[in-house]
Amino acid sequence: MTHVNGVGFVDLFHNNVSERALERHPKVVPVVREWAAQHGLEAVIWTALAPNFAELQSVEFSVDAAMIYLKALPSDKFALAEDYIRNAPETVRTPLRAAFFDVWPGEE
């Protein structure tokens, strides 16, 4: 897969959605649209990164696969991943973060 990253957006004011958002996050777009409407927002913008776990790890992404990956990282790489996970906004609640904090408790 060639990764061409871009911007995802939902623009309620102009009734427009980015093609990249529809391509990369088709199930998320309607959820984001509804969330924006509920919060009185005219638009929401995000980084529409392409998934690459399966390509890089030769296994489909799952929480278990991601945890195996994290456990196998050299300490310097793990420290970077840990900082990223621990410093994500508190409102970012994913199954992977929950599994991470189950194994490596600390400040969430």
N, C-alpha and C. Protein backbone atom coordinates (compact mmCIF):
# COMPACT_ATOMS: atom_id res chain seq x y z
N MET A 1 0.84 -1.17 0.00
CA MET A 1 0.00 0.00 0.00
C MET A 1 0.88 1.24 0.00
N THR A 2 0.58 2.17 -0.82
CA THR A 2 1.28 3.44 -0.82
C THR A 2 0.52 4.38 0.11
N HIS A 3 1.21 4.89 1.09
CA HIS A 3 0.56 5.74 2.09
C HIS A 3 0.63 7.20 1.67
N VAL A 4 -0.50 7.74 1.33
CA VAL A 4 -0.62 9.15 1.04
C VAL A 4 -1.55 9.69 2.12
N ASN A 5 -0.97 10.39 3.06
CA ASN A 5 -1.78 10.87 4.16
C ASN A 5 -2.40 12.20 3.80
N GLY A 6 -3.45 12.52 4.48
CA GLY A 6 -4.15 13.75 4.19
C GLY A 6 -4.98 14.18 5.37
N VAL A 7 -5.91 15.04 5.08
CA VAL A 7 -6.76 15.61 6.11
C VAL A 7 -8.17 15.07 5.94
N GLY A 8 -8.73 14.63 7.04
CA GLY A 8 -10.13 14.25 7.05
C GLY A 8 -10.93 15.41 7.61
N PHE A 9 -12.09 15.67 7.04
CA PHE A 9 -12.93 16.71 7.60
C PHE A 9 -14.40 16.44 7.31
N VAL A 10 -15.21 16.96 8.19
CA VAL A 10 -16.65 17.01 8.02
C VAL A 10 -17.01 18.48 8.18
N ASP A 11 -17.61 19.06 7.15
CA ASP A 11 -17.99 20.47 7.15
C ASP A 11 -19.50 20.56 7.09
N LEU A 12 -20.13 20.78 8.24
CA LEU A 12 -21.58 20.86 8.29
C LEU A 12 -22.10 22.14 7.66
N PHE A 13 -21.34 23.21 7.77
CA PHE A 13 -21.77 24.50 7.24
C PHE A 13 -21.97 24.44 5.72
N HIS A 14 -21.02 23.78 5.02
CA HIS A 14 -21.10 23.65 3.56
C HIS A 14 -21.59 22.27 3.12
N ASN A 15 -21.97 21.43 4.08
CA ASN A 15 -22.42 20.06 3.80
C ASN A 15 -21.41 19.31 2.92
N ASN A 16 -20.19 19.24 3.42
CA ASN A 16 -19.10 18.66 2.65
C ASN A 16 -18.28 17.72 3.55
N VAL A 17 -17.74 16.67 2.95
CA VAL A 17 -16.88 15.71 3.64
C VAL A 17 -15.69 15.44 2.74
N SER A 18 -14.50 15.33 3.34
CA SER A 18 -13.32 15.06 2.52
C SER A 18 -13.35 13.64 1.97
N GLU A 19 -12.89 13.50 0.75
CA GLU A 19 -12.79 12.19 0.13
C GLU A 19 -11.86 11.28 0.93
N ARG A 20 -10.78 11.87 1.47
CA ARG A 20 -9.83 11.09 2.26
C ARG A 20 -10.52 10.51 3.49
N ALA A 21 -11.39 11.29 4.13
CA ALA A 21 -12.13 10.80 5.30
C ALA A 21 -13.03 9.63 4.91
N LEU A 22 -13.72 9.76 3.80
CA LEU A 22 -14.60 8.68 3.35
C LEU A 22 -13.82 7.43 2.99
N GLU A 23 -12.65 7.62 2.40
CA GLU A 23 -11.80 6.48 2.01
C GLU A 23 -11.23 5.77 3.23
N ARG A 24 -10.70 6.54 4.16
CA ARG A 24 -9.97 5.96 5.29
C ARG A 24 -10.84 5.64 6.50
N HIS A 25 -11.89 6.42 6.70
CA HIS A 25 -12.70 6.29 7.92
C HIS A 25 -14.19 6.29 7.61
N PRO A 26 -14.64 5.42 6.73
CA PRO A 26 -16.05 5.46 6.31
C PRO A 26 -17.05 5.26 7.44
N LYS A 27 -16.72 4.47 8.44
CA LYS A 27 -17.65 4.25 9.55
C LYS A 27 -17.62 5.40 10.55
N VAL A 28 -16.54 6.14 10.56
CA VAL A 28 -16.37 7.23 11.53
C VAL A 28 -17.06 8.52 11.06
N VAL A 29 -17.10 8.73 9.75
CA VAL A 29 -17.63 9.99 9.22
C VAL A 29 -19.04 10.30 9.74
N PRO A 30 -20.00 9.37 9.68
CA PRO A 30 -21.32 9.71 10.19
C PRO A 30 -21.34 9.97 11.70
N VAL A 31 -20.48 9.28 12.44
CA VAL A 31 -20.39 9.48 13.88
C VAL A 31 -19.85 10.88 14.17
N VAL A 32 -18.81 11.27 13.46
CA VAL A 32 -18.22 12.60 13.64
C VAL A 32 -19.23 13.68 13.24
N ARG A 33 -19.94 13.44 12.15
CA ARG A 33 -20.95 14.41 11.69
C ARG A 33 -22.01 14.61 12.79
N GLU A 34 -22.50 13.53 13.36
CA GLU A 34 -23.51 13.61 14.41
C GLU A 34 -22.97 14.30 15.65
N TRP A 35 -21.74 13.95 16.03
CA TRP A 35 -21.10 14.55 17.20
C TRP A 35 -20.95 16.06 17.00
N ALA A 36 -20.51 16.47 15.81
CA ALA A 36 -20.35 17.90 15.52
C ALA A 36 -21.69 18.62 15.63
N ALA A 37 -22.73 18.03 15.08
CA ALA A 37 -24.06 18.64 15.13
C ALA A 37 -24.53 18.77 16.58
N GLN A 38 -24.33 17.73 17.38
CA GLN A 38 -24.76 17.76 18.79
C GLN A 38 -24.03 18.83 19.59
N HIS A 39 -22.80 19.14 19.18
CA HIS A 39 -21.99 20.12 19.91
C HIS A 39 -22.00 21.50 19.25
N GLY A 40 -22.84 21.69 18.25
CA GLY A 40 -22.96 22.99 17.61
C GLY A 40 -21.73 23.42 16.83
N LEU A 41 -20.97 22.45 16.34
CA LEU A 41 -19.76 22.77 15.56
C LEU A 41 -20.09 22.82 14.08
N GLU A 42 -19.43 23.71 13.37
CA GLU A 42 -19.63 23.80 11.92
C GLU A 42 -18.75 22.82 11.17
N ALA A 43 -17.62 22.43 11.77
CA ALA A 43 -16.69 21.54 11.08
C ALA A 43 -15.81 20.81 12.09
N VAL A 44 -15.31 19.66 11.67
CA VAL A 44 -14.34 18.88 12.44
C VAL A 44 -13.24 18.47 11.47
N ILE A 45 -12.00 18.59 11.91
CA ILE A 45 -10.85 18.27 11.07
C ILE A 45 -9.95 17.30 11.83
N TRP A 46 -9.42 16.30 11.12
CA TRP A 46 -8.48 15.37 11.74
C TRP A 46 -7.44 14.91 10.73
N THR A 47 -6.37 14.34 11.25
CA THR A 47 -5.34 13.76 10.39
C THR A 47 -5.83 12.40 9.93
N ALA A 48 -5.96 12.22 8.64
CA ALA A 48 -6.49 10.97 8.08
C ALA A 48 -5.32 10.05 7.72
N LEU A 49 -4.72 9.47 8.75
CA LEU A 49 -3.58 8.59 8.52
C LEU A 49 -4.04 7.24 8.00
N ALA A 50 -3.25 6.67 7.14
CA ALA A 50 -3.54 5.34 6.61
C ALA A 50 -3.09 4.28 7.62
N PRO A 51 -3.87 3.22 7.77
CA PRO A 51 -3.40 2.13 8.64
C PRO A 51 -2.22 1.42 7.97
N ASN A 52 -1.23 1.03 8.77
CA ASN A 52 -0.08 0.34 8.20
C ASN A 52 0.44 -0.80 9.07
N PHE A 53 -0.29 -1.13 10.14
CA PHE A 53 0.17 -2.16 11.06
C PHE A 53 0.36 -3.49 10.34
N ALA A 54 -0.64 -3.92 9.57
CA ALA A 54 -0.56 -5.22 8.88
C ALA A 54 0.59 -5.25 7.89
N GLU A 55 0.79 -4.15 7.21
CA GLU A 55 1.88 -4.07 6.23
C GLU A 55 3.25 -4.18 6.91
N LEU A 56 3.39 -3.51 8.04
CA LEU A 56 4.68 -3.49 8.73
C LEU A 56 4.93 -4.70 9.61
N GLN A 57 3.87 -5.30 10.14
CA GLN A 57 4.02 -6.41 11.09
C GLN A 57 3.63 -7.77 10.52
N SER A 58 3.10 -7.79 9.32
CA SER A 58 2.68 -9.04 8.67
C SER A 58 1.60 -9.78 9.45
N VAL A 59 0.80 -9.04 10.18
CA VAL A 59 -0.34 -9.59 10.91
C VAL A 59 -1.38 -8.48 11.00
N GLU A 60 -2.65 -8.85 10.92
CA GLU A 60 -3.72 -7.86 11.02
C GLU A 60 -3.69 -7.21 12.40
N PHE A 61 -4.07 -5.94 12.43
CA PHE A 61 -4.12 -5.23 13.70
C PHE A 61 -5.19 -5.82 14.61
N SER A 62 -4.84 -6.00 15.85
CA SER A 62 -5.77 -6.34 16.92
C SER A 62 -5.11 -5.83 18.19
N VAL A 63 -5.87 -5.74 19.25
CA VAL A 63 -5.29 -5.32 20.53
C VAL A 63 -4.20 -6.30 20.95
N ASP A 64 -4.47 -7.59 20.81
CA ASP A 64 -3.46 -8.59 21.18
C ASP A 64 -2.18 -8.43 20.36
N ALA A 65 -2.33 -8.23 19.05
CA ALA A 65 -1.16 -8.07 18.18
C ALA A 65 -0.39 -6.80 18.56
N ALA A 66 -1.11 -5.74 18.87
CA ALA A 66 -0.44 -4.49 19.25
C ALA A 66 0.29 -4.65 20.59
N MET A 67 -0.29 -5.37 21.51
CA MET A 67 0.37 -5.59 22.80
C MET A 67 1.62 -6.45 22.63
N ILE A 68 1.56 -7.46 21.79
CA ILE A 68 2.74 -8.28 21.50
C ILE A 68 3.84 -7.39 20.91
N TYR A 69 3.44 -6.53 19.99
CA TYR A 69 4.39 -5.59 19.36
C TYR A 69 5.03 -4.70 20.43
N LEU A 70 4.20 -4.09 21.29
CA LEU A 70 4.73 -3.20 22.33
C LEU A 70 5.68 -3.93 23.27
N LYS A 71 5.32 -5.14 23.68
CA LYS A 71 6.15 -5.91 24.60
C LYS A 71 7.50 -6.28 24.00
N ALA A 72 7.57 -6.37 22.67
CA ALA A 72 8.80 -6.76 22.00
C ALA A 72 9.71 -5.57 21.64
N LEU A 73 9.23 -4.37 21.85
CA LEU A 73 10.03 -3.19 21.49
C LEU A 73 11.27 -3.07 22.37
N PRO A 74 12.38 -2.62 21.78
CA PRO A 74 13.55 -2.29 22.61
C PRO A 74 13.16 -1.16 23.57
N SER A 75 13.84 -1.05 24.69
CA SER A 75 13.44 -0.12 25.74
C SER A 75 13.34 1.33 25.26
N ASP A 76 14.24 1.76 24.38
CA ASP A 76 14.18 3.15 23.91
C ASP A 76 12.95 3.40 23.04
N LYS A 77 12.58 2.43 22.23
CA LYS A 77 11.38 2.56 21.39
C LYS A 77 10.12 2.43 22.23
N PHE A 78 10.16 1.54 23.23
CA PHE A 78 9.01 1.40 24.12
C PHE A 78 8.76 2.70 24.86
N ALA A 79 9.82 3.36 25.31
CA ALA A 79 9.68 4.63 26.04
C ALA A 79 8.95 5.67 25.19
N LEU A 80 9.26 5.70 23.91
CA LEU A 80 8.58 6.64 23.01
C LEU A 80 7.10 6.28 22.87
N ALA A 81 6.82 5.00 22.69
CA ALA A 81 5.43 4.55 22.57
C ALA A 81 4.67 4.82 23.87
N GLU A 82 5.32 4.54 24.99
CA GLU A 82 4.68 4.77 26.28
C GLU A 82 4.34 6.24 26.48
N ASP A 83 5.27 7.12 26.15
CA ASP A 83 5.00 8.57 26.26
C ASP A 83 3.80 8.96 25.40
N TYR A 84 3.77 8.44 24.18
CA TYR A 84 2.67 8.76 23.27
C TYR A 84 1.33 8.30 23.84
N ILE A 85 1.29 7.09 24.34
CA ILE A 85 0.05 6.52 24.88
C ILE A 85 -0.37 7.24 26.16
N ARG A 86 0.57 7.45 27.05
CA ARG A 86 0.24 8.10 28.33
C ARG A 86 -0.14 9.56 28.16
N ASN A 87 0.40 10.23 27.15
CA ASN A 87 0.14 11.65 26.96
C ASN A 87 -1.03 11.94 26.03
N ALA A 88 -1.70 10.92 25.56
CA ALA A 88 -2.91 11.14 24.76
C ALA A 88 -3.95 11.80 25.67
N PRO A 89 -4.82 12.62 25.10
CA PRO A 89 -5.85 13.25 25.93
C PRO A 89 -6.66 12.20 26.69
N GLU A 90 -7.06 12.55 27.90
CA GLU A 90 -7.81 11.63 28.75
C GLU A 90 -9.06 11.10 28.08
N THR A 91 -9.63 11.90 27.19
CA THR A 91 -10.87 11.49 26.52
C THR A 91 -10.65 10.43 25.45
N VAL A 92 -9.40 10.17 25.10
CA VAL A 92 -9.09 9.13 24.12
C VAL A 92 -9.10 7.79 24.86
N ARG A 93 -10.18 7.07 24.71
CA ARG A 93 -10.35 5.79 25.39
C ARG A 93 -10.54 4.71 24.33
N THR A 94 -9.53 3.87 24.20
CA THR A 94 -9.57 2.80 23.21
C THR A 94 -9.28 1.47 23.89
N PRO A 95 -9.66 0.38 23.27
CA PRO A 95 -9.33 -0.93 23.83
C PRO A 95 -7.81 -1.12 24.00
N LEU A 96 -7.03 -0.57 23.09
CA LEU A 96 -5.58 -0.71 23.21
C LEU A 96 -5.06 0.06 24.42
N ARG A 97 -5.53 1.27 24.63
CA ARG A 97 -5.08 2.03 25.82
C ARG A 97 -5.48 1.30 27.10
N ALA A 98 -6.68 0.74 27.13
CA ALA A 98 -7.12 0.01 28.31
C ALA A 98 -6.20 -1.19 28.57
N ALA A 99 -5.87 -1.93 27.52
CA ALA A 99 -4.98 -3.09 27.67
C ALA A 99 -3.58 -2.64 28.10
N PHE A 100 -3.12 -1.53 27.54
CA PHE A 100 -1.81 -0.99 27.92
C PHE A 100 -1.76 -0.70 29.42
N PHE A 101 -2.77 0.01 29.93
CA PHE A 101 -2.78 0.38 31.34
C PHE A 101 -3.02 -0.82 32.25
N ASP A 102 -3.63 -1.88 31.74
CA ASP A 102 -3.76 -3.12 32.52
C ASP A 102 -2.39 -3.74 32.76
N VAL A 103 -1.53 -3.68 31.75
CA VAL A 103 -0.19 -4.29 31.85
C VAL A 103 0.81 -3.34 32.48
N TRP A 104 0.74 -2.05 32.11
CA TRP A 104 1.67 -1.05 32.61
C TRP A 104 0.87 0.05 33.33
N PRO A 105 0.39 -0.24 34.55
CA PRO A 105 -0.42 0.78 35.23
C PRO A 105 0.42 2.02 35.56
N GLY A 106 -0.26 3.02 35.83
CA GLY A 106 0.36 4.30 36.14
C GLY A 106 -0.67 5.37 35.89
N GLU A 107 -0.22 6.57 35.77
CA GLU A 107 -1.16 7.66 35.48
C GLU A 107 -1.80 7.46 34.13
N GLU A 108 -3.10 7.59 34.11
CA GLU A 108 -3.84 7.50 32.84
C GLU A 108 -4.20 8.88 32.40
